[in-house]
Amino acid sequence: MKKLTKKQKDIAAKFDRNKVYSLEEASSILKEITTTKFDSSVDIAVRLGVDPKKANQMVRGVVSLPHGTGKDVRVLALVTPDKEQEAKDAGADFVGLDEYLDKIKGGWTDVDVIVTMPAVMGKLGPLGRVLGPRGLMPNPKAGTVTMEIGKAVSDVKAGKIDFRVDRYGIVHAAIGKSSFEAGKIKENAAELIHTLQKMKPTTAKGTYMKSIYLSTTMSPSLQVDPKSV
């Protein structure tokens, strides 16, 4: 059996792996068991009682976190010239069209979110193989295909994230940084959980919110009681 290091023993003494915590408790303990020297991400994993193979049980949407993600989100605005200034004023990191489409064709994907206009989506279709696997393909449901380019860029910069259930029925999302106060971690997590609750498919049977886990990069995970939210 592998021996625990002193640091691992200290962390293990601060929580019970078999206990289900309230969201408030988990948010506080999470800060105590995070020991990375860098500002690690706070991640949440919510297992839902849905069958993602059925189109009417696919849970996907967006949520604006009240305290943002703590991450400097790099936004590419693929827009026509008449929308370029609007995108720049809103804080987009990269603004343009054909030159960036060519860069993407060459393999460049050094951005976190792409915002574009309905008229440009036809040009993005052939780039699906590059953008799709990286989760970068703009989507109207996520608010990244719109004529309100400035608002879309501002929302993303302020902490708007999109999420979708994976093939195992789990929603994964980064909801902050370990440097956040425990209260801000709790409020960000609660906002996502409440959004998921509102999106329960009418065809989903049985327990909808099966389990919730909070963790940070390289930390143990803490189970959260859904009823505490």
Protein backbone atom coordinates (compact mmCIF):
# COMPACT_ATOMS: atom_id res chain seq x y z
CA MET A 1 0.00 0.00 0.00
CA LYS A 2 1.35 3.42 -0.95
CA LYS A 3 2.41 5.54 2.02
CA LEU A 4 0.90 9.00 2.33
CA THR A 5 3.17 12.02 2.45
CA LYS A 6 2.96 14.45 5.37
CA LYS A 7 1.05 16.92 3.17
CA GLN A 8 -1.42 14.23 2.09
CA LYS A 9 -1.98 13.23 5.73
CA ASP A 10 -2.63 16.86 6.68
CA ILE A 11 -5.18 17.20 3.88
CA ALA A 12 -6.87 13.87 4.74
CA ALA A 13 -7.32 15.04 8.33
CA LYS A 14 -9.36 18.05 7.23
CA PHE A 15 -12.30 16.20 5.68
CA ASP A 16 -14.15 12.90 5.61
CA ARG A 17 -14.23 11.18 2.21
CA ASN A 18 -17.43 9.38 3.15
CA LYS A 19 -19.33 12.45 4.31
CA VAL A 20 -21.78 14.44 2.20
CA TYR A 21 -21.31 18.14 2.92
CA SER A 22 -23.54 21.15 2.51
CA LEU A 23 -22.47 23.48 -0.28
CA GLU A 24 -21.36 26.05 2.28
CA GLU A 25 -19.22 23.51 4.17
CA ALA A 26 -17.68 22.10 0.99
CA SER A 27 -16.78 25.56 -0.30
CA SER A 28 -14.89 26.35 2.93
CA ILE A 29 -13.13 22.97 3.22
CA LEU A 30 -12.10 23.15 -0.42
CA LYS A 31 -9.88 26.13 0.33
CA GLU A 32 -8.23 24.26 3.22
CA ILE A 33 -7.35 21.17 1.16
CA THR A 34 -6.00 23.05 -1.87
CA THR A 35 -2.21 23.21 -1.68
CA THR A 36 -1.10 24.06 -5.22
CA LYS A 37 1.35 26.95 -5.53
CA PHE A 38 -0.64 28.33 -8.46
CA ASP A 39 -4.19 29.69 -8.41
CA SER A 40 -5.99 26.48 -9.31
CA SER A 41 -9.45 26.23 -10.85
CA VAL A 42 -12.51 25.28 -8.84
CA ASP A 43 -14.44 22.59 -10.70
CA ILE A 44 -17.91 21.20 -10.24
CA ALA A 45 -19.29 17.89 -11.54
CA VAL A 46 -23.05 17.36 -11.43
CA ARG A 47 -24.43 13.93 -12.32
CA LEU A 48 -27.95 14.19 -13.70
CA GLY A 49 -30.63 11.53 -14.05
CA VAL A 50 -30.97 11.96 -17.81
CA ASP A 51 -30.22 9.88 -20.87
CA PRO A 52 -28.03 12.09 -23.12
CA LYS A 53 -28.65 9.71 -26.04
CA LYS A 54 -32.22 11.01 -26.17
CA ALA A 55 -32.50 14.43 -27.82
CA ASN A 56 -35.30 15.47 -25.46
CA GLN A 57 -33.05 14.83 -22.44
CA MET A 58 -29.98 16.72 -23.63
CA VAL A 59 -29.21 19.40 -21.04
CA ARG A 60 -27.27 22.32 -22.48
CA GLY A 61 -27.24 26.01 -21.69
CA VAL A 62 -25.41 29.05 -20.41
CA VAL A 63 -25.07 30.69 -17.01
CA SER A 64 -23.58 33.99 -15.87
CA LEU A 65 -21.58 33.36 -12.71
CA PRO A 66 -22.09 36.20 -10.20
CA HIS A 67 -18.37 36.40 -9.43
CA GLY A 68 -16.97 35.38 -12.81
CA THR A 69 -14.57 32.51 -13.40
CA GLY A 70 -11.41 34.31 -12.29
CA LYS A 71 -9.92 33.45 -15.65
CA ASP A 72 -8.83 35.94 -18.28
CA VAL A 73 -10.98 34.64 -21.13
CA ARG A 74 -9.50 35.16 -24.60
CA VAL A 75 -12.28 36.04 -27.03
CA LEU A 76 -12.11 35.95 -30.82
CA ALA A 77 -14.82 37.97 -32.59
CA LEU A 78 -15.31 36.77 -36.17
CA VAL A 79 -17.26 39.68 -37.58
CA THR A 80 -17.73 41.83 -40.66
CA PRO A 81 -15.99 45.24 -40.73
CA ASP A 82 -19.10 47.12 -39.55
CA LYS A 83 -19.05 45.17 -36.26
CA GLU A 84 -15.32 45.29 -35.58
CA GLN A 85 -15.31 48.44 -33.45
CA GLU A 86 -18.22 47.17 -31.36
CA ALA A 87 -16.27 43.98 -30.63
CA LYS A 88 -13.10 45.90 -29.76
CA ASP A 89 -14.96 48.29 -27.46
CA ALA A 90 -16.44 45.32 -25.61
CA GLY A 91 -12.97 43.89 -24.96
CA ALA A 92 -12.51 41.18 -27.60
CA ASP A 93 -8.88 40.04 -27.74
CA PHE A 94 -8.91 39.24 -31.46
CA VAL A 95 -11.19 40.86 -34.03
CA GLY A 96 -11.45 40.17 -37.75
CA LEU A 97 -12.71 37.59 -40.19
CA ASP A 98 -10.90 36.12 -43.19
CA GLU A 99 -7.42 36.41 -41.71
CA TYR A 100 -8.50 34.50 -38.59
CA LEU A 101 -10.40 31.91 -40.61
CA ASP A 102 -7.15 31.24 -42.47
CA LYS A 103 -5.24 30.99 -39.18
CA ILE A 104 -7.78 28.47 -37.84
CA LYS A 105 -7.47 26.43 -41.04
CA GLY A 106 -3.75 26.33 -40.30
CA GLY A 107 -4.40 24.92 -36.83
CA TRP A 108 -4.48 28.09 -34.69
CA THR A 109 -6.96 27.83 -31.81
CA ASP A 110 -5.30 29.93 -29.11
CA VAL A 111 -8.60 31.33 -27.78
CA ASP A 112 -11.19 30.31 -25.20
CA VAL A 113 -14.39 31.51 -26.87
CA ILE A 114 -15.39 32.49 -30.40
CA VAL A 115 -18.23 34.97 -30.93
CA THR A 116 -19.67 35.51 -34.38
CA MET A 117 -22.68 36.62 -36.46
CA PRO A 118 -25.34 34.48 -38.17
CA ALA A 119 -24.09 35.60 -41.60
CA VAL A 120 -20.59 34.27 -40.85
CA MET A 121 -21.62 30.79 -39.70
CA GLY A 122 -21.54 29.47 -43.26
CA LYS A 123 -17.81 30.16 -43.40
CA LEU A 124 -17.26 28.39 -40.07
CA GLY A 125 -18.98 25.16 -41.13
CA PRO A 126 -15.91 23.68 -42.88
CA LEU A 127 -13.85 24.36 -39.73
CA GLY A 128 -16.02 22.13 -37.56
CA ARG A 129 -13.38 19.42 -37.41
CA VAL A 130 -10.94 21.89 -35.88
CA LEU A 131 -13.30 23.84 -33.61
CA GLY A 132 -15.76 21.12 -32.58
CA PRO A 133 -13.41 18.85 -30.59
CA ARG A 134 -12.05 21.90 -28.76
CA GLY A 135 -15.49 23.18 -27.81
CA LEU A 136 -14.93 26.38 -29.78
CA MET A 137 -17.71 26.19 -32.36
CA PRO A 138 -20.09 29.14 -31.78
CA ASN A 139 -23.68 28.22 -30.99
CA PRO A 140 -26.86 30.34 -30.89
CA LYS A 141 -28.01 28.53 -27.71
CA ALA A 142 -24.79 29.58 -25.99
CA GLY A 143 -25.28 33.17 -27.10
CA THR A 144 -22.12 33.16 -29.22
CA VAL A 145 -23.92 33.52 -32.56
CA THR A 146 -25.69 36.86 -32.43
CA MET A 147 -25.97 40.32 -33.92
CA GLU A 148 -25.40 41.78 -30.45
CA ILE A 149 -21.66 41.24 -30.66
CA GLY A 150 -20.71 43.75 -27.98
CA LYS A 151 -23.07 42.23 -25.42
CA ALA A 152 -21.91 38.70 -26.24
CA VAL A 153 -18.25 39.63 -25.77
CA SER A 154 -18.97 41.51 -22.53
CA ASP A 155 -21.00 38.61 -21.11
CA VAL A 156 -18.22 36.11 -21.80
CA LYS A 157 -15.60 38.41 -20.30
CA ALA A 158 -17.77 38.91 -17.20
CA GLY A 159 -18.08 35.19 -16.46
CA LYS A 160 -20.74 33.74 -18.71
CA ILE A 161 -20.03 30.06 -19.37
CA ASP A 162 -21.77 27.42 -21.43
CA PHE A 163 -22.23 23.83 -20.31
CA ARG A 164 -23.63 20.58 -21.62
CA VAL A 165 -24.20 17.13 -20.23
CA ASP A 166 -21.64 14.55 -21.42
CA ARG A 167 -22.42 11.00 -22.57
CA TYR A 168 -22.35 9.79 -18.97
CA GLY A 169 -24.97 12.30 -17.84
CA ILE A 170 -22.45 14.57 -16.09
CA VAL A 171 -22.07 18.33 -16.39
CA HIS A 172 -18.50 19.54 -15.78
CA ALA A 173 -17.68 23.22 -15.37
CA ALA A 174 -14.97 25.51 -13.98
CA ILE A 175 -16.72 27.95 -11.65
CA GLY A 176 -13.90 29.98 -10.14
CA LYS A 177 -10.42 29.98 -8.64
CA SER A 178 -9.08 28.66 -5.34
CA SER A 179 -8.18 32.25 -4.39
CA PHE A 180 -11.89 33.13 -4.30
CA GLU A 181 -13.51 33.58 -0.91
CA ALA A 182 -15.53 30.54 0.16
CA GLY A 183 -18.73 32.57 -0.13
CA LYS A 184 -18.04 33.42 -3.77
CA ILE A 185 -17.31 29.76 -4.60
CA LYS A 186 -20.61 28.81 -2.97
CA GLU A 187 -22.59 31.47 -4.86
CA ASN A 188 -21.07 30.58 -8.23
CA ALA A 189 -21.78 26.88 -7.66
CA ALA A 190 -25.33 27.62 -6.52
CA GLU A 191 -26.01 29.70 -9.64
CA LEU A 192 -25.03 26.81 -11.92
CA ILE A 193 -26.95 24.25 -9.86
CA HIS A 194 -30.11 26.38 -9.83
CA THR A 195 -29.82 26.83 -13.59
CA LEU A 196 -29.56 23.06 -14.06
CA GLN A 197 -32.59 22.52 -11.81
CA LYS A 198 -34.68 24.86 -13.97
CA MET A 199 -33.62 22.92 -17.08
CA LYS A 200 -34.88 19.52 -15.94
CA PRO A 201 -36.34 17.76 -19.00
CA THR A 202 -40.00 16.85 -18.60
CA THR A 203 -39.16 13.36 -19.87
CA ALA A 204 -36.51 12.71 -17.20
CA LYS A 205 -37.76 10.18 -14.64
CA GLY A 206 -36.60 9.45 -11.11
CA THR A 207 -33.98 11.47 -9.25
CA TYR A 208 -32.79 14.33 -11.43
CA MET A 209 -29.80 15.66 -9.50
CA LYS A 210 -28.02 12.46 -8.48
CA SER A 211 -24.71 13.79 -7.15
CA ILE A 212 -22.59 16.93 -6.93
CA TYR A 213 -18.84 17.07 -6.39
CA LEU A 214 -16.56 20.06 -5.87
CA SER A 215 -12.80 19.98 -6.34
CA THR A 216 -9.85 22.10 -7.33
CA THR A 217 -6.97 21.22 -9.62
CA MET A 218 -5.14 18.28 -7.99
CA SER A 219 -7.29 18.34 -4.81
CA PRO A 220 -9.55 15.55 -3.53
CA SER A 221 -13.22 15.98 -4.39
CA LEU A 222 -15.97 16.74 -1.86
CA GLN A 223 -19.48 15.41 -2.24
CA VAL A 224 -22.20 18.04 -1.87
CA ASP A 225 -25.76 17.41 -0.72
CA PRO A 226 -28.05 18.67 -3.53
CA LYS A 227 -30.70 19.48 -0.91
CA SER A 228 -28.33 22.01 0.70
CA VAL A 229 -28.46 24.25 -2.37
